Protein backbone atom coordinates (compact mmCIF):
# COMPACT_ATOMS: atom_id res chain seq x y z
CA MET A 1 223.09 30.57 26.44
CA THR A 2 220.03 29.76 28.57
CA VAL A 3 221.49 26.69 30.34
CA THR A 4 224.73 28.49 31.10
CA PHE A 5 222.84 31.51 32.15
CA ARG A 6 220.66 29.66 34.72
CA THR A 7 223.46 27.48 35.94
CA LYS A 8 225.95 30.29 36.35
CA LEU A 9 223.33 32.61 37.90
CA GLN A 10 222.71 30.12 40.71
CA SER A 11 226.46 30.09 41.42
CA LEU A 12 227.09 33.79 40.84
CA ASP A 13 228.35 34.29 44.39
CA LEU A 14 231.32 31.97 43.50
CA LEU A 15 232.62 34.57 41.00
CA THR A 16 234.57 37.66 42.02
CA ARG A 17 232.85 41.01 41.57
CA GLU A 18 234.89 41.65 38.41
CA GLU A 19 234.05 38.21 37.00
CA ARG A 20 230.36 38.83 37.62
CA ILE A 21 230.60 42.18 35.78
CA GLU A 22 232.43 40.49 32.92
CA TRP A 23 229.83 37.71 32.75
CA ILE A 24 226.96 40.16 32.65
CA ALA A 25 228.64 42.23 29.98
CA GLU A 26 229.22 39.15 27.84
CA LEU A 27 225.55 38.16 28.11
CA LYS A 28 224.48 41.62 27.12
CA LEU A 29 226.80 41.40 24.11
CA GLN A 30 225.26 38.08 23.17
CA LEU A 31 221.78 39.54 23.45
CA LEU A 32 222.78 42.50 21.24
CA ASN A 33 224.00 39.94 18.62
CA LYS A 34 220.63 38.13 19.07
CA ILE A 35 218.78 41.42 18.28
CA GLU A 36 220.80 41.63 14.99
CA GLN A 37 219.97 38.06 14.13
CA VAL A 38 216.22 38.62 14.74
CA GLU A 39 216.27 41.81 12.67
CA GLN A 40 218.07 40.08 9.83
CA TYR A 41 215.72 37.01 10.00
CA GLY A 42 212.70 39.32 9.97
CA SER A 43 213.88 41.11 6.80
CA GLU A 44 214.63 37.75 5.00
CA VAL A 45 211.47 35.71 5.61
CA SER A 46 207.78 36.04 5.36
CA VAL A 47 205.71 34.06 7.75
CA PRO A 48 202.13 34.38 9.07
CA TYR A 49 201.89 37.08 11.82
CA GLN A 50 205.49 37.99 11.25
CA ASP A 51 205.10 41.34 12.86
CA LEU A 52 203.77 39.74 16.10
CA VAL A 53 206.46 36.98 16.03
CA HIS A 54 209.05 39.62 15.60
CA GLU A 55 207.56 41.78 18.39
CA ASN A 56 207.50 38.83 20.80
CA ALA A 57 211.21 38.00 20.08
CA MET A 58 212.25 41.64 20.56
CA ARG A 59 210.29 42.03 23.81
CA SER A 60 211.79 38.84 25.19
CA ILE A 61 215.30 40.04 24.44
CA ARG A 62 214.65 43.55 25.73
CA SER A 63 213.17 42.08 28.91
CA ARG A 64 216.35 40.05 29.54
CA MET A 65 218.51 43.03 28.84
CA ASP A 66 216.54 45.09 31.30
CA TRP A 67 216.90 42.35 33.90
CA LEU A 68 220.63 42.13 33.27
CA ASP A 69 220.83 45.92 33.83
CA LEU A 70 219.21 45.42 37.18
CA LEU A 71 221.68 42.65 38.01
CA LEU A 72 224.66 44.67 36.84
CA ASN A 73 223.48 47.62 38.97
CA ARG A 74 223.32 45.42 42.03
CA VAL A 75 226.72 43.73 41.43
CA VAL A 76 228.37 47.12 40.88
CA ARG A 77 227.08 48.41 44.13
CA GLU A 78 228.09 45.31 46.15
CA LYS A 79 231.28 45.09 48.01
CA ASP A 80 233.50 42.02 47.54
């Protein structure tokens, strides 16, 4: 996801407004799936500092989700 994310973001202006919105929505779905994976992993394993590892992963995902919300807001307000 990261390579595609960075590459496509640099070329976001090549997509139509609708394609940008679809792309952002897809990324948000992928991140929601990642949250589920992190939650499941956390309930299945026991590692040192597990609570902090889990918190770091969740904060990273939430931060990216928040950033995508900002991007989506801007794209929705833009005119083609």
